[in-house]
C-alpha atoms as a PDB file:
ATOM      1  CA  MET A   1       0.000   0.000   0.000  1.00  0.00           C
ATOM      2  CA  ARG A   2       1.398   3.379  -1.003  1.00  0.00           C
ATOM      3  CA  HIS A   3       0.984   6.286   1.404  1.00  0.00           C
ATOM      4  CA  ARG A   4       0.041   9.714   0.117  1.00  0.00           C
ATOM      5  CA  GLY A   5       2.309  12.511   1.265  1.00  0.00           C
ATOM      6  CA  ILE A   6       5.939  13.594   1.335  1.00  0.00           C
ATOM      7  CA  PRO A   7       8.603  10.854   1.729  1.00  0.00           C
ATOM      8  CA  ILE A   8      10.312  12.198   4.875  1.00  0.00           C
ATOM      9  CA  HIS A   9      12.626   9.749   6.675  1.00  0.00           C
ATOM     10  CA  GLY A  10      13.900  10.248  10.216  1.00  0.00           C
ATOM     11  CA  TRP A  11      12.854  10.970  13.790  1.00  0.00           C
ATOM     12  CA  LEU A  12      11.252  14.016  15.388  1.00  0.00           C
ATOM     13  CA  VAL A  13      11.352  14.304  19.165  1.00  0.00           C
ATOM     14  CA  VAL A  14       8.137  16.021  20.218  1.00  0.00           C
ATOM     15  CA  ASP A  15       7.757  17.592  23.647  1.00  0.00           C
ATOM     16  CA  LYS A  16       4.232  16.306  24.137  1.00  0.00           C
ATOM     17  CA  PRO A  17       1.864  18.587  26.057  1.00  0.00           C
ATOM     18  CA  SER A  18      -0.651  17.304  28.573  1.00  0.00           C
ATOM     19  CA  GLY A  19      -4.007  16.469  27.010  1.00  0.00           C
ATOM     20  CA  PRO A  20      -3.622  14.788  23.614  1.00  0.00           C
ATOM     21  CA  SER A  21      -2.976  11.059  23.288  1.00  0.00           C
ATOM     22  CA  SER A  22       0.195   9.782  21.621  1.00  0.00           C
ATOM     23  CA  SER A  23      -1.868   8.857  18.551  1.00  0.00           C
ATOM     24  CA  ASP A  24      -3.276  12.399  18.443  1.00  0.00           C
ATOM     25  CA  VAL A  25       0.291  13.735  18.350  1.00  0.00           C
ATOM     26  CA  VAL A  26       1.172  11.427  15.439  1.00  0.00           C
ATOM     27  CA  VAL A  27      -1.814  12.771  13.479  1.00  0.00           C
ATOM     28  CA  ARG A  28      -0.787  16.371  14.206  1.00  0.00           C
ATOM     29  CA  VAL A  29       2.810  15.684  13.145  1.00  0.00           C
ATOM     30  CA  ARG A  30       1.673  14.143   9.852  1.00  0.00           C
ATOM     31  CA  ARG A  31      -0.634  17.085   9.219  1.00  0.00           C
ATOM     32  CA  ALA A  32       2.091  19.654  10.016  1.00  0.00           C
ATOM     33  CA  THR A  33       4.857  17.995   8.007  1.00  0.00           C
ATOM     34  CA  GLY A  34       2.898  16.358   5.209  1.00  0.00           C
ATOM     35  CA  ALA A  35       4.828  13.139   5.895  1.00  0.00           C
ATOM     36  CA  ALA A  36       3.530  10.067   4.096  1.00  0.00           C
ATOM     37  CA  LYS A  37       4.068   7.769   7.059  1.00  0.00           C
ATOM     38  CA  ALA A  38       4.476   8.281  10.821  1.00  0.00           C
ATOM     39  CA  GLY A  39       4.323   6.396  14.116  1.00  0.00           C
ATOM     40  CA  HIS A  40       5.408   6.920  17.713  1.00  0.00           C
ATOM     41  CA  GLY A  41       8.172   5.224  19.651  1.00  0.00           C
ATOM     42  CA  GLY A  42       6.465   4.540  22.974  1.00  0.00           C
ATOM     43  CA  THR A  43       3.059   5.607  24.293  1.00  0.00           C
ATOM     44  CA  LEU A  44       2.640   8.456  26.750  1.00  0.00           C
ATOM     45  CA  ASP A  45      -0.608   8.774  28.713  1.00  0.00           C
ATOM     46  CA  PRO A  46      -2.730  11.828  27.793  1.00  0.00           C
ATOM     47  CA  LEU A  47      -1.943  13.406  31.181  1.00  0.00           C
ATOM     48  CA  ALA A  48       1.816  12.982  30.687  1.00  0.00           C
ATOM     49  CA  THR A  49       4.202  15.410  28.997  1.00  0.00           C
ATOM     50  CA  GLY A  50       7.695  15.191  27.568  1.00  0.00           C
ATOM     51  CA  VAL A  51       9.671  13.089  25.129  1.00  0.00           C
ATOM     52  CA  LEU A  52       7.577  11.382  22.450  1.00  0.00           C
ATOM     53  CA  PRO A  53       9.777  10.177  19.563  1.00  0.00           C
ATOM     54  CA  ILE A  54       7.906  10.287  16.253  1.00  0.00           C
ATOM     55  CA  ALA A  55       9.191   8.060  13.441  1.00  0.00           C
ATOM     56  CA  LEU A  56       8.718   9.300   9.878  1.00  0.00           C
ATOM     57  CA  GLY A  57       8.990   7.189   6.731  1.00  0.00           C
ATOM     58  CA  GLU A  58      11.633   4.455   6.927  1.00  0.00           C
ATOM     59  CA  ALA A  59      12.224   5.271  10.607  1.00  0.00           C
ATOM     60  CA  THR A  60       8.942   3.472  11.364  1.00  0.00           C
ATOM     61  CA  LYS A  61      10.848   0.225  10.716  1.00  0.00           C
ATOM     62  CA  THR A  62      13.014   0.980  13.785  1.00  0.00           C
ATOM     63  CA  VAL A  63      10.196   1.843  16.222  1.00  0.00           C
ATOM     64  CA  SER A  64      10.575  -1.368  18.239  1.00  0.00           C
ATOM     65  CA  PHE A  65      14.167  -0.426  19.097  1.00  0.00           C
ATOM     66  CA  ALA A  66      13.093   2.981  20.374  1.00  0.00           C
ATOM     67  CA  MET A  67      10.398   1.378  22.521  1.00  0.00           C
ATOM     68  CA  ASP A  68      12.965  -1.011  24.019  1.00  0.00           C
ATOM     69  CA  GLY A  69      15.228   1.862  25.110  1.00  0.00           C
ATOM     70  CA  THR A  70      15.819   2.895  28.721  1.00  0.00           C
ATOM     71  CA  LYS A  71      13.407   5.610  29.843  1.00  0.00           C
ATOM     72  CA  THR A  72      13.731   8.422  32.373  1.00  0.00           C
ATOM     73  CA  TYR A  73      10.681  10.003  34.027  1.00  0.00           C
ATOM     74  CA  ARG A  74      10.055  12.767  36.551  1.00  0.00           C
ATOM     75  CA  PHE A  75       6.801  12.250  38.403  1.00  0.00           C
ATOM     76  CA  THR A  76       4.869  13.640  41.363  1.00  0.00           C
ATOM     77  CA  VAL A  77       2.912  11.389  43.725  1.00  0.00           C
ATOM     78  CA  ARG A  78      -0.163  12.676  45.506  1.00  0.00           C
ATOM     79  CA  TRP A  79      -0.351  10.875  48.848  1.00  0.00           C
ATOM     80  CA  GLY A  80      -3.617   9.896  50.513  1.00  0.00           C
ATOM     81  CA  VAL A  81      -5.784   9.606  47.380  1.00  0.00           C
ATOM     82  CA  ALA A  82      -6.020   6.567  45.083  1.00  0.00           C
ATOM     83  CA  THR A  83      -7.792   6.708  41.731  1.00  0.00           C
ATOM     84  CA  ALA A  84      -9.161   4.064  39.371  1.00  0.00           C
ATOM     85  CA  SER A  85      -6.688   4.989  36.628  1.00  0.00           C
ATOM     86  CA  GLY A  86      -3.705   5.617  38.913  1.00  0.00           C
ATOM     87  CA  ASP A  87      -3.423   9.242  37.795  1.00  0.00           C
ATOM     88  CA  ALA A  88      -5.232  12.532  38.324  1.00  0.00           C
ATOM     89  CA  ASP A  89      -7.758  11.795  35.545  1.00  0.00           C
ATOM     90  CA  GLY A  90      -9.374   8.878  37.365  1.00  0.00           C
ATOM     91  CA  GLU A  91     -12.217   8.653  39.869  1.00  0.00           C
ATOM     92  CA  VAL A  92     -11.200   8.533  43.531  1.00  0.00           C
ATOM     93  CA  THR A  93     -11.393   4.971  44.856  1.00  0.00           C
ATOM     94  CA  GLU A  94      -9.699   5.258  48.257  1.00  0.00           C
ATOM     95  CA  SER A  95      -8.401   7.866  50.676  1.00  0.00           C
ATOM     96  CA  SER A  96      -6.075   7.896  53.676  1.00  0.00           C
ATOM     97  CA  ASP A  97      -4.960  10.400  56.282  1.00  0.00           C
ATOM     98  CA  ALA A  98      -1.472   8.851  56.474  1.00  0.00           C
ATOM     99  CA  ARG A  99       1.376  10.947  55.025  1.00  0.00           C
ATOM    100  CA  PRO A 100       4.932   9.545  54.793  1.00  0.00           C
ATOM    101  CA  ASP A 101       7.870  11.685  55.854  1.00  0.00           C
ATOM    102  CA  GLU A 102      11.136  12.044  53.942  1.00  0.00           C
ATOM    103  CA  ALA A 103      12.977   9.431  55.998  1.00  0.00           C
ATOM    104  CA  ALA A 104      10.262   6.802  55.447  1.00  0.00           C
ATOM    105  CA  ILE A 105      10.190   7.501  51.710  1.00  0.00           C
ATOM    106  CA  ALA A 106      13.970   7.222  51.388  1.00  0.00           C
ATOM    107  CA  ALA A 107      13.961   3.935  53.309  1.00  0.00           C
ATOM    108  CA  ALA A 108      11.293   2.423  51.045  1.00  0.00           C
ATOM    109  CA  LEU A 109      12.870   3.247  47.674  1.00  0.00           C
ATOM    110  CA  PRO A 110      15.522   0.473  47.500  1.00  0.00           C
ATOM    111  CA  ARG A 111      12.876  -2.282  47.413  1.00  0.00           C
ATOM    112  CA  PHE A 112      11.662  -0.855  44.084  1.00  0.00           C
ATOM    113  CA  VAL A 113      15.068  -0.920  42.356  1.00  0.00           C
ATOM    114  CA  GLY A 114      16.310  -3.853  40.260  1.00  0.00           C
ATOM    115  CA  GLU A 115      14.183  -6.705  38.926  1.00  0.00           C
ATOM    116  CA  ILE A 116      10.747  -6.356  40.509  1.00  0.00           C
ATOM    117  CA  ALA A 117       7.266  -7.819  39.988  1.00  0.00           C
ATOM    118  CA  GLN A 118       4.740  -5.184  38.948  1.00  0.00           C
ATOM    119  CA  VAL A 119       1.010  -5.467  38.306  1.00  0.00           C
ATOM    120  CA  PRO A 120       0.046  -3.096  35.453  1.00  0.00           C
ATOM    121  CA  PRO A 121      -2.812  -0.650  36.051  1.00  0.00           C
ATOM    122  CA  ILE A 122      -6.181  -1.847  34.807  1.00  0.00           C
ATOM    123  CA  TYR A 123      -6.389   1.297  32.677  1.00  0.00           C
ATOM    124  CA  SER A 124      -3.652   0.115  30.305  1.00  0.00           C
ATOM    125  CA  ALA A 125      -3.388  -1.188  26.743  1.00  0.00           C
ATOM    126  CA  ILE A 126      -2.581  -4.747  27.825  1.00  0.00           C
ATOM    127  CA  LYS A 127      -4.904  -7.302  26.217  1.00  0.00           C
ATOM    128  CA  VAL A 128      -7.153  -9.555  28.293  1.00  0.00           C
ATOM    129  CA  ASP A 129      -8.850 -12.288  26.252  1.00  0.00           C
ATOM    130  CA  GLY A 130      -8.298 -10.226  23.128  1.00  0.00           C
ATOM    131  CA  ARG A 131      -9.659  -6.976  24.611  1.00  0.00           C
ATOM    132  CA  ARG A 132      -7.720  -3.962  25.844  1.00  0.00           C
ATOM    133  CA  ALA A 133      -7.745  -3.745  29.636  1.00  0.00           C
ATOM    134  CA  TYR A 134      -8.781  -0.074  29.597  1.00  0.00           C
ATOM    135  CA  ALA A 135     -11.808  -0.880  27.404  1.00  0.00           C
ATOM    136  CA  LEU A 136     -12.960  -3.501  29.899  1.00  0.00           C
ATOM    137  CA  ALA A 137     -12.302  -1.202  32.868  1.00  0.00           C
ATOM    138  CA  ARG A 138     -14.374   1.570  31.289  1.00  0.00           C
ATOM    139  CA  ARG A 139     -17.298  -0.867  31.111  1.00  0.00           C
ATOM    140  CA  ASN A 140     -16.841  -1.704  34.807  1.00  0.00           C
ATOM    141  CA  ALA A 141     -15.880  -5.252  33.904  1.00  0.00           C
ATOM    142  CA  GLU A 142     -13.722  -7.223  36.316  1.00  0.00           C
ATOM    143  CA  VAL A 143     -10.101  -6.915  35.179  1.00  0.00           C
ATOM    144  CA  GLU A 144      -7.301  -9.000  36.670  1.00  0.00           C
ATOM    145  CA  LEU A 145      -3.775  -8.526  35.370  1.00  0.00           C
ATOM    146  CA  ALA A 146      -0.916 -10.822  36.284  1.00  0.00           C
ATOM    147  CA  PRO A 147       2.294  -9.357  37.719  1.00  0.00           C
ATOM    148  CA  ARG A 148       5.174  -8.953  35.274  1.00  0.00           C
ATOM    149  CA  GLN A 149       8.912  -8.828  35.829  1.00  0.00           C
ATOM    150  CA  VAL A 150      10.298  -5.400  34.992  1.00  0.00           C
ATOM    151  CA  ARG A 151      13.575  -3.644  35.681  1.00  0.00           C
ATOM    152  CA  ILE A 152      14.086  -0.320  37.420  1.00  0.00           C
ATOM    153  CA  GLU A 153      17.621   1.033  37.187  1.00  0.00           C
ATOM    154  CA  SER A 154      17.196   3.800  39.765  1.00  0.00           C
ATOM    155  CA  LEU A 155      14.484   5.534  41.773  1.00  0.00           C
ATOM    156  CA  THR A 156      15.367   8.860  43.407  1.00  0.00           C
ATOM    157  CA  LEU A 157      13.445  11.222  45.662  1.00  0.00           C
ATOM    158  CA  ILE A 158      13.878  14.683  44.111  1.00  0.00           C
ATOM    159  CA  GLY A 159      12.085  16.567  46.831  1.00  0.00           C
ATOM    160  CA  ILE A 160       9.105  16.954  49.148  1.00  0.00           C
ATOM    161  CA  VAL A 161       6.764  19.443  47.509  1.00  0.00           C
ATOM    162  CA  ASP A 162       4.425  19.618  50.514  1.00  0.00           C
ATOM    163  CA  CYS A 163       2.892  17.126  52.945  1.00  0.00           C
ATOM    164  CA  ASP A 164       0.632  15.773  50.194  1.00  0.00           C
ATOM    165  CA  HIS A 165       3.136  15.587  47.314  1.00  0.00           C
ATOM    166  CA  ALA A 166       6.639  14.271  46.597  1.00  0.00           C
ATOM    167  CA  GLU A 167       8.626  14.376  43.365  1.00  0.00           C
ATOM    168  CA  PHE A 168      10.705  11.469  42.039  1.00  0.00           C
ATOM    169  CA  GLU A 169      12.907  10.482  39.122  1.00  0.00           C
ATOM    170  CA  VAL A 170      12.940   6.922  37.808  1.00  0.00           C
ATOM    171  CA  VAL A 171      15.171   5.309  35.199  1.00  0.00           C
ATOM    172  CA  SER A 172      13.543   2.132  33.933  1.00  0.00           C
ATOM    173  CA  GLY A 173      13.555  -0.573  31.312  1.00  0.00           C
ATOM    174  CA  LYS A 174      10.758  -1.671  29.009  1.00  0.00           C
ATOM    175  CA  GLY A 175       7.257  -2.246  30.368  1.00  0.00           C
ATOM    176  CA  VAL A 176       7.431  -0.251  33.610  1.00  0.00           C
ATOM    177  CA  TYR A 177       4.242   1.620  34.518  1.00  0.00           C
ATOM    178  CA  VAL A 178       4.909   4.727  36.608  1.00  0.00           C
ATOM    179  CA  ARG A 179       1.281   4.700  37.768  1.00  0.00           C
ATOM    180  CA  SER A 180       1.811   1.211  39.215  1.00  0.00           C
ATOM    181  CA  LEU A 181       5.078   2.309  40.783  1.00  0.00           C
ATOM    182  CA  ALA A 182       3.371   5.234  42.533  1.00  0.00           C
ATOM    183  CA  ARG A 183       0.522   2.991  43.708  1.00  0.00           C
ATOM    184  CA  ASP A 184       2.869   0.340  45.111  1.00  0.00           C
ATOM    185  CA  LEU A 185       5.205   2.873  46.722  1.00  0.00           C
ATOM    186  CA  ALA A 186       2.276   4.512  48.497  1.00  0.00           C
ATOM    187  CA  GLN A 187       1.026   1.146  49.751  1.00  0.00           C
ATOM    188  CA  ALA A 188       4.517   0.278  51.031  1.00  0.00           C
ATOM    189  CA  LEU A 189       4.439   3.540  52.970  1.00  0.00           C
ATOM    190  CA  GLY A 190       1.128   2.749  54.651  1.00  0.00           C
ATOM    191  CA  THR A 191      -1.050   5.037  52.582  1.00  0.00           C
ATOM    192  CA  CYS A 192      -2.472   5.257  49.068  1.00  0.00           C
ATOM    193  CA  GLY A 193      -1.573   7.525  46.187  1.00  0.00           C
ATOM    194  CA  HIS A 194      -1.618   8.356  42.507  1.00  0.00           C
ATOM    195  CA  VAL A 195       0.481  10.114  39.874  1.00  0.00           C
ATOM    196  CA  ALA A 196      -0.382  13.811  39.919  1.00  0.00           C
ATOM    197  CA  ALA A 197       2.135  14.794  37.219  1.00  0.00           C
ATOM    198  CA  LEU A 198       4.376  12.835  34.854  1.00  0.00           C
ATOM    199  CA  ARG A 199       7.071  14.046  32.478  1.00  0.00           C
ATOM    200  CA  ARG A 200       9.257  11.796  30.329  1.00  0.00           C
ATOM    201  CA  MET A 201      12.783  13.154  30.090  1.00  0.00           C
ATOM    202  CA  ARG A 202      14.398  10.560  27.835  1.00  0.00           C
ATOM    203  CA  VAL A 203      13.731   7.459  25.707  1.00  0.00           C
ATOM    204  CA  GLY A 204      16.943   5.716  24.693  1.00  0.00           C
ATOM    205  CA  SER A 205      18.892   8.194  22.566  1.00  0.00           C
ATOM    206  CA  PHE A 206      16.011  10.690  22.437  1.00  0.00           C
ATOM    207  CA  GLY A 207      16.044  13.470  25.033  1.00  0.00           C
ATOM    208  CA  LEU A 208      14.358  16.794  25.716  1.00  0.00           C
ATOM    209  CA  GLU A 209      17.453  18.654  24.473  1.00  0.00           C
ATOM    210  CA  ARG A 210      16.433  17.631  20.933  1.00  0.00           C
ATOM    211  CA  ALA A 211      12.691  18.129  21.349  1.00  0.00           C
ATOM    212  CA  ILE A 212      10.333  20.420  19.458  1.00  0.00           C
ATOM    213  CA  SER A 213       6.962  21.608  20.722  1.00  0.00           C
ATOM    214  CA  LEU A 214       3.814  21.029  18.694  1.00  0.00           C
ATOM    215  CA  GLU A 215       3.423  24.800  18.388  1.00  0.00           C
ATOM    216  CA  MET A 216       6.898  25.212  16.895  1.00  0.00           C
ATOM    217  CA  LEU A 217       6.333  22.224  14.629  1.00  0.00           C
ATOM    218  CA  GLN A 218       3.215  23.922  13.329  1.00  0.00           C
ATOM    219  CA  GLU A 219       5.294  27.021  12.535  1.00  0.00           C
ATOM    220  CA  VAL A 220       8.126  25.257  10.666  1.00  0.00           C
ATOM    221  CA  GLY A 221       5.757  22.790   8.958  1.00  0.00           C
ATOM    222  CA  HIS A 222       6.891  22.013   5.440  1.00  0.00           C
ATOM    223  CA  SER A 223       9.759  24.540   5.480  1.00  0.00           C
ATOM    224  CA  ALA A 224      13.459  23.721   5.354  1.00  0.00           C
ATOM    225  CA  SER A 225      13.630  24.536   9.082  1.00  0.00           C
ATOM    226  CA  LEU A 226      11.931  21.204   9.777  1.00  0.00           C
ATOM    227  CA  PHE A 227      15.117  19.357   8.854  1.00  0.00           C
ATOM    228  CA  GLU A 228      17.018  21.136  11.637  1.00  0.00           C
ATOM    229  CA  PHE A 229      14.969  19.017  14.056  1.00  0.00           C
ATOM    230  CA  LEU A 230      14.908  15.808  12.000  1.00  0.00           C
ATOM    231  CA  LEU A 231      17.214  13.103  13.394  1.00  0.00           C
ATOM    232  CA  PRO A 232      18.626  10.237  11.285  1.00  0.00           C
ATOM    233  CA  VAL A 233      16.715   6.971  11.028  1.00  0.00           C
ATOM    234  CA  GLU A 234      19.559   5.121  12.774  1.00  0.00           C
ATOM    235  CA  THR A 235      19.263   7.299  15.930  1.00  0.00           C
ATOM    236  CA  ALA A 236      16.982   4.626  17.414  1.00  0.00           C
ATOM    237  CA  LEU A 237      19.665   2.012  16.716  1.00  0.00           C
ATOM    238  CA  ASP A 238      22.492   3.534  18.776  1.00  0.00           C
ATOM    239  CA  ASP A 239      22.379   0.686  21.290  1.00  0.00           C
ATOM    240  CA  ILE A 240      22.611  -2.193  18.813  1.00  0.00           C
ATOM    241  CA  PRO A 241      25.758  -3.419  17.007  1.00  0.00           C
ATOM    242  CA  ALA A 242      26.619  -1.986  13.598  1.00  0.00           C
ATOM    243  CA  LEU A 243      28.251  -3.762  10.652  1.00  0.00           C
ATOM    244  CA  ALA A 244      30.171  -2.138   7.789  1.00  0.00           C
ATOM    245  CA  LEU A 245      29.347  -3.590   4.372  1.00  0.00           C
ATOM    246  CA  THR A 246      30.750  -3.141   0.892  1.00  0.00           C
ATOM    247  CA  GLU A 247      28.441  -1.765  -1.788  1.00  0.00           C
ATOM    248  CA  ALA A 248      28.097  -5.241  -3.323  1.00  0.00           C
ATOM    249  CA  GLU A 249      27.125  -6.759   0.063  1.00  0.00           C
ATOM    250  CA  ALA A 250      24.659  -3.944   0.674  1.00  0.00           C
ATOM    251  CA  ARG A 251      22.993  -4.573  -2.694  1.00  0.00           C
ATOM    252  CA  ARG A 252      22.624  -8.276  -1.852  1.00  0.00           C
ATOM    253  CA  LEU A 253      20.932  -7.467   1.463  1.00  0.00           C
ATOM    254  CA  GLN A 254      18.597  -4.978  -0.166  1.00  0.00           C
ATOM    255  CA  ARG A 255      17.528  -7.705  -2.616  1.00  0.00           C
ATOM    256  CA  GLY A 256      16.692  -9.904   0.362  1.00  0.00           C
ATOM    257  CA  GLN A 257      19.779 -12.106   0.016  1.00  0.00           C
ATOM    258  CA  ALA A 258      22.184 -13.169   2.788  1.00  0.00           C
ATOM    259  CA  VAL A 259      25.910 -12.373   2.875  1.00  0.00           C
ATOM    260  CA  ALA A 260      28.722 -14.253   4.593  1.00  0.00           C
ATOM    261  CA  ALA A 261      29.267 -13.039   8.164  1.00  0.00           C
ATOM    262  CA  LEU A 262      32.982 -13.813   8.609  1.00  0.00           C
ATOM    263  CA  PRO A 263      34.398 -11.353   6.043  1.00  0.00           C
ATOM    264  CA  VAL A 264      32.163  -8.572   7.395  1.00  0.00           C
ATOM    265  CA  ALA A 265      33.036  -9.262  11.033  1.00  0.00           C
ATOM    266  CA  SER A 266      36.787  -9.488  10.320  1.00  0.00           C
ATOM    267  CA  ARG A 267      37.001  -6.002   8.829  1.00  0.00           C
ATOM    268  CA  SER A 268      34.232  -4.257  10.780  1.00  0.00           C
ATOM    269  CA  PRO A 269      35.392  -1.588  13.243  1.00  0.00           C
ATOM    270  CA  PHE A 270      32.119  -1.964  15.117  1.00  0.00           C
ATOM    271  CA  ARG A 271      30.964  -4.351  17.822  1.00  0.00           C
ATOM    272  CA  SER A 272      29.581  -7.516  16.232  1.00  0.00           C
ATOM    273  CA  PRO A 273      26.413  -9.211  17.473  1.00  0.00           C
ATOM    274  CA  GLY A 274      26.438 -12.793  18.669  1.00  0.00           C
ATOM    275  CA  ASP A 275      24.778 -15.599  16.734  1.00  0.00           C
ATOM    276  CA  GLY A 276      21.093 -14.777  16.416  1.00  0.00           C
ATOM    277  CA  GLY A 277      21.693 -11.151  17.351  1.00  0.00           C
ATOM    278  CA  VAL A 278      20.260  -8.134  15.514  1.00  0.00           C
ATOM    279  CA  ALA A 279      22.496  -5.428  14.036  1.00  0.00           C
ATOM    280  CA  CYS A 280      22.291  -2.466  11.692  1.00  0.00           C
ATOM    281  CA  ALA A 281      24.201  -2.838   8.411  1.00  0.00           C
ATOM    282  CA  PHE A 282      25.847   0.276   6.960  1.00  0.00           C
ATOM    283  CA  SER A 283      27.419   1.012   3.588  1.00  0.00           C
ATOM    284  CA  GLN A 284      29.275   4.267   2.925  1.00  0.00           C
ATOM    285  CA  GLY A 285      27.852   5.733   6.133  1.00  0.00           C
ATOM    286  CA  ARG A 286      24.255   4.933   5.179  1.00  0.00           C
ATOM    287  CA  ALA A 287      22.041   2.475   7.041  1.00  0.00           C
ATOM    288  CA  VAL A 288      20.848  -0.144   4.559  1.00  0.00           C
ATOM    289  CA  ALA A 289      19.126  -2.832   6.611  1.00  0.00           C
ATOM    290  CA  LEU A 290      18.353  -4.300   9.985  1.00  0.00           C
ATOM    291  CA  VAL A 291      19.949  -7.733   9.939  1.00  0.00           C
ATOM    292  CA  LYS A 292      20.239 -10.934  11.959  1.00  0.00           C
ATOM    293  CA  VAL A 293      23.448 -12.962  12.202  1.00  0.00           C
ATOM    294  CA  ALA A 294      22.760 -16.692  12.166  1.00  0.00           C
ATOM    295  CA  GLY A 295      24.537 -19.795  10.862  1.00  0.00           C
ATOM    296  CA  GLY A 296      27.524 -17.834   9.570  1.00  0.00           C
ATOM    297  CA  GLU A 297      25.315 -15.541   7.497  1.00  0.00           C
ATOM    298  CA  ILE A 298      24.001 -12.004   7.752  1.00  0.00           C
ATOM    299  CA  ARG A 299      20.338 -12.051   6.771  1.00  0.00           C
ATOM    300  CA  PRO A 300      18.121  -9.013   6.188  1.00  0.00           C
ATOM    301  CA  VAL A 301      15.240  -8.514   8.629  1.00  0.00           C
ATOM    302  CA  ARG A 302      14.036  -5.070   7.518  1.00  0.00           C
ATOM    303  CA  VAL A 303      15.490  -3.314   4.463  1.00  0.00           C
ATOM    304  CA  LEU A 304      15.849   0.473   4.803  1.00  0.00           C
ATOM    305  CA  ASN A 305      15.214   2.364   1.577  1.00  0.00           C
ATOM    306  CA  LEU A 306      17.126   5.579   2.237  1.00  0.00           C
END
């Protein structure tokens, strides 16, 4: 299927405002840029703000790598009030007069660092018997989600805002729900709570220092200024090995054919993946394909037409 629009390839880092969904932002980016194809690299809740990487054109083939990247969030917990959704948009489901002090909070944080079991919030996109959990929850259906193993690299108390609020920073791996983290932290501290504010600071290689607001994006639109904010397709691939190919090898991959791994690995200045590992193949400084190394061969997984 051919997409109507301009063939723009690369990543835009949008500083998402509170209110629109991630899908809404994708629609607004396509409308502002005229891009033929776009997608986002990791959902942000409507309430949340901050880094939302938007893939354009061939960059959409690398979205899964962006979503797998380490993420950094700043968030504020409101103590003493639990909500159905785990954030300020939900109906109040529980209240408590207990308020943790700074010492108690600091003492509780280490138990939430490392590999932990986390039950996702019922208002999430996880599927239950083929239906999204949030769709079931909105119909007041009984929703039970199993705990999942996730990894939290660090969890830091930034400051006590007032007796009802505290601000934190978390660095986490894939699949961590900050709303669940706030809920569980509050319960560990003998109270209840929800996320009052959430801002994503970084996703993998994408940070706020490279971000553009939707308002500014609307201004630059189709102009040449847009390309000052456009990042290369391979930006999402910074954390995976890279392989240097000759032009002949690159042409074979782009035709869907495998090339021998040993000659490439022996001359490549980059870190090579192990057997079965995924890498990005380059030729003359240009990314040509996402590849998998297996059985002594480099096989194309997704060809990049740049």
